Amino acid sequence: MRFKLIYPKWAKLNRQTEFHLPPHGPVVFAATLPAYVELDFVDENLDEIDFEEPVDVVGISMMLTVQVKRGWQIADRYRRQGVKVIFGGIATMLHAEETMAHADAVFLGEAEGRMEGLLEDLRLGRLKPCYDYLDRRPDIGLVGPARRDILKRELYNHKGVQMVDLVHASRGCRFNCYPCAVSYLGGREFRPRPIDQAVAEMAGIDNNRLFIVDNSLAQNTQWELDLFREMIPLKKNWCSHPIEDKPQVLDLAAQAGAWYVYQAVFDTSDYIKERIKRYHDHGIGVEGTILLGLESHDEEFIKRLIDFLLEIELDLAEFTVLTPFPHTRAYEELSRQGRILSTDWDDYSADRVVYQPKQMSPERLGELLDYAWNTFYQDEPQHIKMARLFKQVVQREMAADTFRPRERRLRQRSFGRVAE
């Protein structure tokens, strides 16, 4: 069976330094396919789709809401050619009803242990419109190493610099944050993979730089300690979402190669200030994820928050506006109040205001988003701050004798002396 797996393109954030990470969803899904499937993967952000190439079935993996309209276009074209199309991925789950109009089947939930049955239905001509496993999650022990062999590795370098590979050690999240859909997608139960399996996958990745994409590592103290302890011998450098703010956890994370974290900065409290300092004291960089436009945010608060970010010396910051994605508490509340202004999913890029903020006009919130980017990076551009983070990881790799000399020459040309 010839199976073409497609990851649709999308427009990047206007202010973001553009680089492309190898996508996680498609390589995890690929690992669930039986051995008889001949798989071809196309990341449309970096490669073109050959619509004329013979294929038995097309799978479209959508992670982001801003991918869905392009995904539908791709599906419509293949279906006009008589090719069956199956959708999966996070954005498919968030937009399942609309996506069904463009699909022969949609798959909702986690794929481990389920693909044999779906492909048998396809072979026998009895494909169902929807395979809904959202509330029937597989044994987490079935999660195997992702199929990174389907990637064209040379496409995922940024100016000659090897970027991170994505991996996960758990699923689910016990938190239920206002703007987040994870509790709908993966449930509110924290489900860690067996540590030996997760660490073995990390060890097998031919890249010293990883992004552990778990929703939060700060969910179970003992699990964090055990995971980091087992990661120390790998000599990998990695970034992640938040790590628990406890001295023993941070110390082991640093020993295990914690490079930097994505940390939400939601107020100007001493707690946040001290938390960032503790990361830095352990040699862990911080990229602040700053969400603007919450109900309590007025213009004065946003300007004060930007001043605070400069004061606490974040290594990087990424600014977005509240975006009410389907199946989030934000969507339910704003929809109920009649405050959602657009359901054009191409607008749901997190840098466009698609709802009526409580404290200001949509236009003013957009202006304050520009103000945040301009002010934070006025003294040092984003690419220079990013280069400083890469300098940190390169120094670690050289000390551990895991640095690749060829990349050093390429990096020197790309980033200049700031990365030396």
Protein backbone atom coordinates (compact mmCIF):
# COMPACT_ATOMS: atom_id res chain seq x y z
CA MET A 1 0.00 0.00 0.00
CA ARG A 2 1.40 3.37 -1.06
CA PHE A 3 0.53 5.92 1.61
CA LYS A 4 1.40 9.61 1.11
CA LEU A 5 1.47 11.54 4.38
CA ILE A 6 1.22 15.32 4.01
CA TYR A 7 1.86 18.10 6.52
CA PRO A 8 0.18 21.24 5.08
CA LYS A 9 2.00 24.57 4.91
CA TRP A 10 1.03 27.62 6.93
CA ALA A 11 2.11 31.25 7.25
CA LYS A 12 4.54 31.89 10.11
CA LEU A 13 4.18 34.65 12.70
CA ASN A 14 5.10 38.01 11.23
CA ARG A 15 7.79 38.77 13.82
CA GLN A 16 9.17 35.27 14.27
CA THR A 17 12.63 34.35 12.97
CA GLU A 18 11.66 31.77 10.36
CA PHE A 19 13.08 28.31 10.77
CA HIS A 20 11.46 24.92 10.47
CA LEU A 21 11.52 22.18 13.06
CA PRO A 22 10.93 18.57 12.02
CA PRO A 23 7.22 18.01 12.81
CA HIS A 24 6.37 15.65 15.63
CA GLY A 25 2.85 14.46 14.86
CA PRO A 26 3.63 12.86 11.48
CA VAL A 27 6.68 10.93 12.70
CA VAL A 28 4.78 9.63 15.75
CA PHE A 29 1.87 8.61 13.52
CA ALA A 30 4.21 6.92 11.03
CA ALA A 31 5.43 4.63 13.82
CA THR A 32 1.88 3.24 14.20
CA LEU A 33 1.62 2.05 10.57
CA PRO A 34 2.10 -1.65 9.80
CA ALA A 35 5.24 -2.76 8.00
CA TYR A 36 3.51 -3.42 4.68
CA VAL A 37 2.74 0.29 4.21
CA GLU A 38 5.08 2.09 1.81
CA LEU A 39 5.19 5.59 3.27
CA ASP A 40 6.15 8.86 1.59
CA PHE A 41 6.13 12.05 3.68
CA VAL A 42 5.87 15.62 2.40
CA ASP A 43 6.28 18.65 4.65
CA GLU A 44 4.71 21.27 2.41
CA ASN A 45 6.42 24.06 4.33
CA LEU A 46 9.69 22.92 2.76
CA ASP A 47 8.79 20.71 -0.20
CA GLU A 48 6.23 20.57 -3.01
CA ILE A 49 3.44 18.02 -3.32
CA ASP A 50 3.51 15.96 -6.51
CA PHE A 51 -0.22 15.52 -7.10
CA GLU A 52 0.44 13.33 -10.15
CA GLU A 53 2.47 10.70 -8.32
CA PRO A 54 0.54 7.39 -8.07
CA VAL A 55 -0.69 6.73 -4.53
CA ASP A 56 -3.26 4.44 -2.89
CA VAL A 57 -4.25 6.67 0.02
CA VAL A 58 -3.39 10.13 1.32
CA GLY A 59 -3.10 11.02 4.99
CA ILE A 60 -3.17 14.67 6.02
CA SER A 61 -1.67 15.47 9.42
CA MET A 62 -2.71 18.89 10.77
CA MET A 63 -1.28 20.32 13.98
CA LEU A 64 -2.36 23.97 13.78
CA THR A 65 -5.66 25.66 13.09
CA VAL A 66 -3.92 27.78 10.44
CA GLN A 67 -3.22 24.56 8.52
CA VAL A 68 -6.82 23.41 8.18
CA LYS A 69 -7.98 25.37 5.14
CA ARG A 70 -4.88 24.37 3.20
CA GLY A 71 -5.38 20.77 4.34
CA TRP A 72 -8.93 20.84 3.01
CA GLN A 73 -7.72 22.21 -0.34
CA ILE A 74 -5.20 19.39 -0.67
CA ALA A 75 -7.81 16.79 0.22
CA ASP A 76 -10.36 18.16 -2.24
CA ARG A 77 -7.87 17.93 -5.08
CA TYR A 78 -6.92 14.33 -4.31
CA ARG A 79 -10.54 13.26 -3.88
CA ARG A 80 -11.41 14.75 -7.27
CA GLN A 81 -8.72 12.42 -8.62
CA GLY A 82 -10.40 9.45 -6.94
CA VAL A 83 -7.84 9.06 -4.12
CA LYS A 84 -9.07 8.30 -0.61
CA VAL A 85 -8.08 10.88 2.02
CA ILE A 86 -7.77 10.35 5.78
CA PHE A 87 -7.23 13.24 8.23
CA GLY A 88 -5.62 13.15 11.66
CA GLY A 89 -3.68 15.31 14.10
CA ILE A 90 -4.47 17.96 16.67
CA ALA A 91 -6.17 20.45 14.34
CA THR A 92 -8.29 17.67 12.85
CA MET A 93 -9.57 16.94 16.34
CA LEU A 94 -10.35 20.62 16.94
CA HIS A 95 -12.12 21.00 13.59
CA ALA A 96 -13.51 17.50 13.09
CA GLU A 97 -17.01 18.34 11.88
CA GLU A 98 -15.83 20.77 9.20
CA THR A 99 -13.01 18.46 8.17
CA MET A 100 -15.38 15.54 7.57
CA ALA A 101 -16.79 17.44 4.57
CA HIS A 102 -13.37 17.15 2.90
CA ALA A 103 -12.42 13.63 4.01
CA ASP A 104 -13.20 10.01 3.39
CA ALA A 105 -12.36 9.45 7.05
CA VAL A 106 -11.18 11.47 10.02
CA PHE A 107 -9.23 9.89 12.85
CA LEU A 108 -9.65 11.44 16.31
CA GLY A 109 -7.40 10.49 19.19
CA GLU A 110 -4.14 8.60 19.57
CA ALA A 111 -3.22 6.15 16.83
CA GLU A 112 -1.23 3.43 18.64
CA GLY A 113 -2.81 0.01 18.08
CA ARG A 114 -5.56 1.37 15.83
CA MET A 115 -4.13 1.66 12.30
CA GLU A 116 -4.36 -2.01 11.34
CA GLY A 117 -8.14 -1.89 11.73
CA LEU A 118 -8.56 1.35 9.82
CA LEU A 119 -6.40 0.18 6.92
CA GLU A 120 -8.29 -3.13 6.79
CA ASP A 121 -11.54 -1.15 6.49
CA LEU A 122 -9.93 0.83 3.67
CA ARG A 123 -8.84 -2.36 1.88
CA LEU A 124 -12.32 -3.88 2.14
CA GLY A 125 -14.08 -0.69 1.00
CA ARG A 126 -15.87 -0.11 4.30
CA LEU A 127 -14.03 2.98 5.54
CA LYS A 128 -16.04 4.80 8.21
CA PRO A 129 -16.43 8.60 8.10
CA CYS A 130 -15.09 8.98 11.64
CA TYR A 131 -12.87 6.90 13.91
CA ASP A 132 -13.38 8.55 17.30
CA TYR A 133 -10.97 7.39 20.01
CA LEU A 134 -10.73 10.68 21.91
CA ASP A 135 -12.07 9.14 25.10
CA ARG A 136 -10.40 5.73 24.59
CA ARG A 137 -6.70 6.31 24.95
CA PRO A 138 -4.28 3.46 24.28
CA ASP A 139 -1.81 2.03 26.76
CA ILE A 140 0.98 4.62 26.92
CA GLY A 141 3.46 1.74 26.81
CA LEU A 142 2.49 1.17 23.17
CA VAL A 143 4.11 4.46 22.15
CA GLY A 144 7.20 3.44 20.23
CA PRO A 145 10.11 5.43 18.80
CA ALA A 146 8.97 7.95 16.20
CA ARG A 147 9.75 7.26 12.53
CA ARG A 148 12.26 10.07 11.95
CA ASP A 149 13.58 8.16 8.94
CA ILE A 150 10.69 9.60 6.87
CA LEU A 151 12.14 13.14 7.20
CA LYS A 152 14.42 14.81 4.68
CA ARG A 153 16.95 15.83 7.29
CA GLU A 154 18.77 18.38 5.16
CA LEU A 155 15.62 20.54 5.04
CA TYR A 156 15.63 21.15 8.80
CA ASN A 157 18.88 23.07 9.13
CA HIS A 158 18.72 26.82 9.69
CA LYS A 159 21.57 28.56 7.84
CA GLY A 160 23.71 25.47 8.32
CA VAL A 161 22.83 25.05 11.99
CA GLN A 162 21.19 21.81 13.08
CA MET A 163 17.95 22.54 14.88
CA VAL A 164 16.29 20.43 17.57
CA ASP A 165 14.54 17.08 17.14
CA LEU A 166 11.19 16.71 18.87
CA VAL A 167 10.42 13.91 21.33
CA HIS A 168 7.89 13.34 24.10
CA ALA A 169 8.09 11.56 27.44
CA SER A 170 4.44 11.88 28.48
CA ARG A 171 0.94 12.70 27.28
CA GLY A 172 -2.00 14.41 28.92
CA CYS A 173 -1.98 17.37 31.28
CA ARG A 174 -3.54 17.69 34.71
CA PHE A 175 -3.93 21.44 34.26
CA ASN A 176 -6.83 23.04 32.40
CA CYS A 177 -5.54 26.45 31.33
CA TYR A 178 -7.96 29.01 29.90
CA PRO A 179 -6.52 29.28 26.36
CA CYS A 180 -5.40 25.63 25.98
CA ALA A 181 -7.11 22.64 24.30
CA VAL A 182 -4.84 19.95 25.74
CA SER A 183 -7.37 18.77 28.33
CA TYR A 184 -9.78 18.08 25.44
CA LEU A 185 -7.17 16.46 23.21
CA GLY A 186 -5.15 14.38 25.64
CA GLY A 187 -7.19 14.35 28.81
CA ARG A 188 -6.48 15.79 32.25
CA GLU A 189 -4.66 12.68 33.46
CA PHE A 190 -0.87 12.88 33.34
CA ARG A 191 0.29 9.78 31.42
CA PRO A 192 4.07 9.33 31.47
CA ARG A 193 5.72 6.89 29.09
CA PRO A 194 7.87 4.21 30.73
CA ILE A 195 11.07 6.13 31.43
CA ASP A 196 13.32 3.49 29.94
CA GLN A 197 11.39 3.66 26.65
CA ALA A 198 11.43 7.46 26.49
CA VAL A 199 15.15 7.65 27.31
CA ALA A 200 15.96 4.90 24.81
CA GLU A 201 14.22 6.90 22.09
CA MET A 202 16.18 10.02 23.03
CA ALA A 203 19.42 8.05 22.95
CA GLY A 204 18.62 6.77 19.46
CA ILE A 205 18.12 10.23 17.95
CA ASP A 206 21.11 11.32 15.87
CA ASN A 207 21.03 14.85 17.21
CA ASN A 208 22.49 16.28 20.41
CA ARG A 209 19.71 18.91 20.56
CA LEU A 210 16.21 17.91 21.56
CA PHE A 211 12.90 19.62 22.24
CA ILE A 212 10.89 17.65 24.80
CA VAL A 213 7.41 18.68 23.67
CA ASP A 214 5.41 17.47 26.70
CA ASN A 215 2.75 20.01 27.65
CA SER A 216 4.53 20.53 30.95
CA LEU A 217 7.28 18.61 32.70
CA ALA A 218 6.12 20.11 36.01
CA GLN A 219 3.42 17.52 36.72
CA ASN A 220 4.98 14.91 38.97
CA THR A 221 8.09 15.60 41.04
CA GLN A 222 9.32 12.03 41.42
CA TRP A 223 8.83 11.34 37.71
CA GLU A 224 10.86 14.45 36.82
CA LEU A 225 13.67 13.40 39.13
CA ASP A 226 13.72 9.86 37.75
CA LEU A 227 13.58 11.04 34.13
CA PHE A 228 16.36 13.61 34.47
CA ARG A 229 18.56 11.17 36.36
CA GLU A 230 18.29 8.66 33.52
CA MET A 231 18.95 11.36 30.91
CA ILE A 232 22.30 12.49 32.35
CA PRO A 233 24.41 9.84 30.56
CA LEU A 234 22.91 10.81 27.18
CA LYS A 235 24.87 14.08 27.11
CA LYS A 236 22.04 15.71 25.15
CA ASN A 237 21.05 19.38 25.34
CA TRP A 238 17.33 20.04 25.37
CA CYS A 239 14.59 22.61 25.71
CA SER A 240 11.13 22.02 27.08
CA HIS A 241 8.03 23.60 28.52
CA PRO A 242 8.16 24.44 32.25
CA ILE A 243 10.22 22.46 34.74
CA GLU A 244 9.08 22.28 38.33
CA ASP A 245 10.44 25.13 40.43
CA LYS A 246 12.19 23.01 43.06
CA PRO A 247 15.96 23.08 43.73
CA GLN A 248 16.50 19.33 43.40
CA VAL A 249 14.49 19.17 40.18
CA LEU A 250 16.29 22.14 38.62
CA ASP A 251 19.68 20.78 39.67
CA LEU A 252 19.05 17.39 38.05
CA ALA A 253 17.53 19.05 34.97
CA ALA A 254 20.71 21.08 34.53
CA GLN A 255 22.86 17.96 34.92
CA ALA A 256 20.67 16.21 32.34
CA GLY A 257 21.31 18.95 29.78
CA ALA A 258 18.45 21.42 30.21
CA TRP A 259 19.35 24.17 27.73
CA TYR A 260 16.37 26.49 27.97
CA VAL A 261 12.67 26.40 28.84
CA TYR A 262 9.55 28.01 27.48
CA GLN A 263 8.04 29.73 30.49
CA ALA A 264 4.76 31.61 30.51
CA VAL A 265 5.13 35.05 32.07
CA PHE A 266 1.65 36.16 33.03
CA ASP A 267 2.25 38.89 35.61
CA THR A 268 4.95 41.10 37.17
CA SER A 269 5.13 39.30 40.51
CA ASP A 270 8.22 38.55 42.57
CA TYR A 271 7.32 34.87 42.11
CA ILE A 272 7.90 35.10 38.36
CA LYS A 273 11.01 37.22 38.83
CA GLU A 274 12.53 34.71 41.25
CA ARG A 275 11.53 31.75 39.12
CA ILE A 276 13.37 33.16 36.10
CA LYS A 277 16.38 33.86 38.32
CA ARG A 278 16.44 30.26 39.59
CA TYR A 279 16.45 28.95 36.00
CA HIS A 280 19.37 31.25 35.21
CA ASP A 281 21.20 30.28 38.42
CA HIS A 282 21.14 26.70 37.15
CA GLY A 283 22.45 27.69 33.73
CA ILE A 284 19.05 27.22 32.07
CA GLY A 285 17.95 29.87 29.57
CA VAL A 286 14.38 31.14 29.40
CA GLU A 287 12.21 32.00 26.43
CA GLY A 288 9.18 33.81 27.79
CA THR A 289 5.85 32.99 26.19
CA ILE A 290 3.80 36.13 26.59
CA LEU A 291 0.05 36.02 25.95
CA LEU A 292 -1.59 39.43 25.61
CA GLY A 293 -5.30 40.25 25.74
CA LEU A 294 -6.56 38.33 28.76
CA GLU A 295 -9.59 39.76 30.53
CA SER A 296 -7.49 41.60 33.13
CA HIS A 297 -5.11 43.16 30.58
CA ASP A 298 -5.47 46.87 30.01
CA GLU A 299 -2.98 49.08 28.17
CA GLU A 300 -1.15 50.11 31.32
CA PHE A 301 -0.67 46.49 32.43
CA ILE A 302 0.72 45.41 29.04
CA LYS A 303 3.27 48.25 28.99
CA ARG A 304 4.28 47.49 32.57
CA LEU A 305 4.65 43.82 31.69
CA ILE A 306 7.05 44.61 28.83
CA ASP A 307 9.20 46.73 31.14
CA PHE A 308 9.22 43.82 33.59
CA LEU A 309 10.40 41.38 30.90
CA LEU A 310 13.40 43.59 30.19
CA GLU A 311 14.14 43.86 33.89
CA ILE A 312 14.24 40.10 34.48
CA GLU A 313 16.55 39.58 31.47
CA LEU A 314 14.71 36.93 29.52
CA ASP A 315 16.89 35.30 26.90
CA LEU A 316 14.08 35.44 24.33
CA ALA A 317 10.40 36.32 24.28
CA GLU A 318 7.58 35.39 21.94
CA PHE A 319 4.47 37.53 22.00
CA THR A 320 1.03 36.37 20.91
CA VAL A 321 -2.53 37.51 21.44
CA LEU A 322 -5.22 35.40 23.03
CA THR A 323 -6.72 33.19 20.33
CA PRO A 324 -9.95 31.29 21.12
CA PHE A 325 -9.23 27.91 19.53
CA PRO A 326 -12.19 25.50 19.47
CA HIS A 327 -12.60 23.25 22.50
CA THR A 328 -10.86 25.67 24.86
CA ARG A 329 -12.38 27.45 27.83
CA ALA A 330 -11.58 30.71 26.03
CA TYR A 331 -13.61 29.68 22.98
CA GLU A 332 -16.57 28.53 25.04
CA GLU A 333 -16.68 31.72 27.12
CA LEU A 334 -16.11 34.21 24.29
CA SER A 335 -18.52 32.39 22.00
CA ARG A 336 -21.21 32.39 24.67
CA GLN A 337 -20.71 36.15 25.09
CA GLY A 338 -20.83 36.82 21.34
CA ARG A 339 -17.29 38.24 21.34
CA ILE A 340 -15.69 36.12 18.60
CA LEU A 341 -15.27 38.32 15.52
CA SER A 342 -13.88 35.84 12.99
CA THR A 343 -14.03 32.13 12.30
CA ASP A 344 -11.78 32.35 9.27
CA TRP A 345 -9.27 29.81 10.50
CA ASP A 346 -6.44 31.44 8.54
CA ASP A 347 -6.77 34.32 11.02
CA TYR A 348 -6.07 32.02 13.99
CA SER A 349 -2.31 32.51 13.80
CA ALA A 350 -2.02 34.00 17.32
CA ASP A 351 -0.82 37.33 15.94
CA ARG A 352 -4.23 38.55 14.75
CA VAL A 353 -7.03 39.67 17.07
CA VAL A 354 -10.14 37.60 16.28
CA TYR A 355 -12.25 38.51 19.31
CA GLN A 356 -13.42 41.58 21.19
CA PRO A 357 -11.03 42.19 24.11
CA LYS A 358 -12.58 43.32 27.39
CA GLN A 359 -10.33 46.34 28.06
CA MET A 360 -9.71 47.84 24.59
CA SER A 361 -10.54 47.66 20.91
CA PRO A 362 -9.22 44.80 18.74
CA GLU A 363 -7.19 47.35 16.79
CA ARG A 364 -5.52 48.68 19.93
CA LEU A 365 -4.59 45.19 21.12
CA GLY A 366 -2.96 44.60 17.72
CA GLU A 367 -0.99 47.82 18.14
CA LEU A 368 0.14 46.76 21.62
CA LEU A 369 1.32 43.42 20.21
CA ASP A 370 3.55 45.39 17.82
CA TYR A 371 4.67 47.58 20.71
CA ALA A 372 5.66 44.51 22.72
CA TRP A 373 7.82 43.05 19.94
CA ASN A 374 9.39 46.43 19.09
CA THR A 375 10.17 47.36 22.69
CA PHE A 376 11.56 44.02 23.83
CA TYR A 377 13.90 43.72 20.82
CA GLN A 378 14.77 47.40 20.35
CA ASP A 379 18.29 47.10 21.77
CA GLU A 380 19.15 43.63 20.49
CA PRO A 381 17.35 41.92 17.57
CA GLN A 382 15.71 38.55 17.96
CA HIS A 383 18.25 36.71 15.81
CA ILE A 384 21.11 38.00 18.00
CA LYS A 385 19.39 36.82 21.18
CA MET A 386 18.79 33.47 19.53
CA ALA A 387 22.46 33.27 18.56
CA ARG A 388 23.40 33.74 22.22
CA LEU A 389 21.33 30.69 23.13
CA PHE A 390 23.11 28.71 20.43
CA LYS A 391 26.43 29.91 21.75
CA GLN A 392 25.46 28.40 25.09
CA VAL A 393 24.65 25.00 23.59
CA VAL A 394 27.77 24.97 21.41
CA GLN A 395 29.98 25.66 24.43
CA ARG A 396 28.36 22.74 26.24
CA GLU A 397 28.85 20.43 23.28
CA MET A 398 32.49 21.40 22.93
CA ALA A 399 33.06 20.74 26.63
CA ALA A 400 31.40 17.32 26.29
CA ASP A 401 33.22 16.58 23.01
CA THR A 402 29.89 16.15 21.17
CA PHE A 403 30.16 19.19 18.90
CA ARG A 404 30.24 18.71 15.11
CA PRO A 405 33.13 20.71 13.59
CA ARG A 406 31.47 21.14 10.17
CA GLU A 407 28.55 22.92 11.79
CA ARG A 408 30.96 25.31 13.48
CA ARG A 409 32.15 26.66 10.12
CA LEU A 410 28.60 27.04 8.86
CA ARG A 411 27.45 28.66 12.09
CA GLN A 412 30.28 31.18 12.01
CA ARG A 413 29.16 32.38 8.60
CA SER A 414 25.50 32.48 9.61
CA PHE A 415 25.56 34.07 13.04
CA GLY A 416 28.78 36.03 13.04
CA ARG A 417 31.01 36.74 16.00
CA VAL A 418 28.18 36.96 18.55
CA ALA A 419 27.92 33.18 18.52
CA GLU A 420 31.62 32.62 19.15
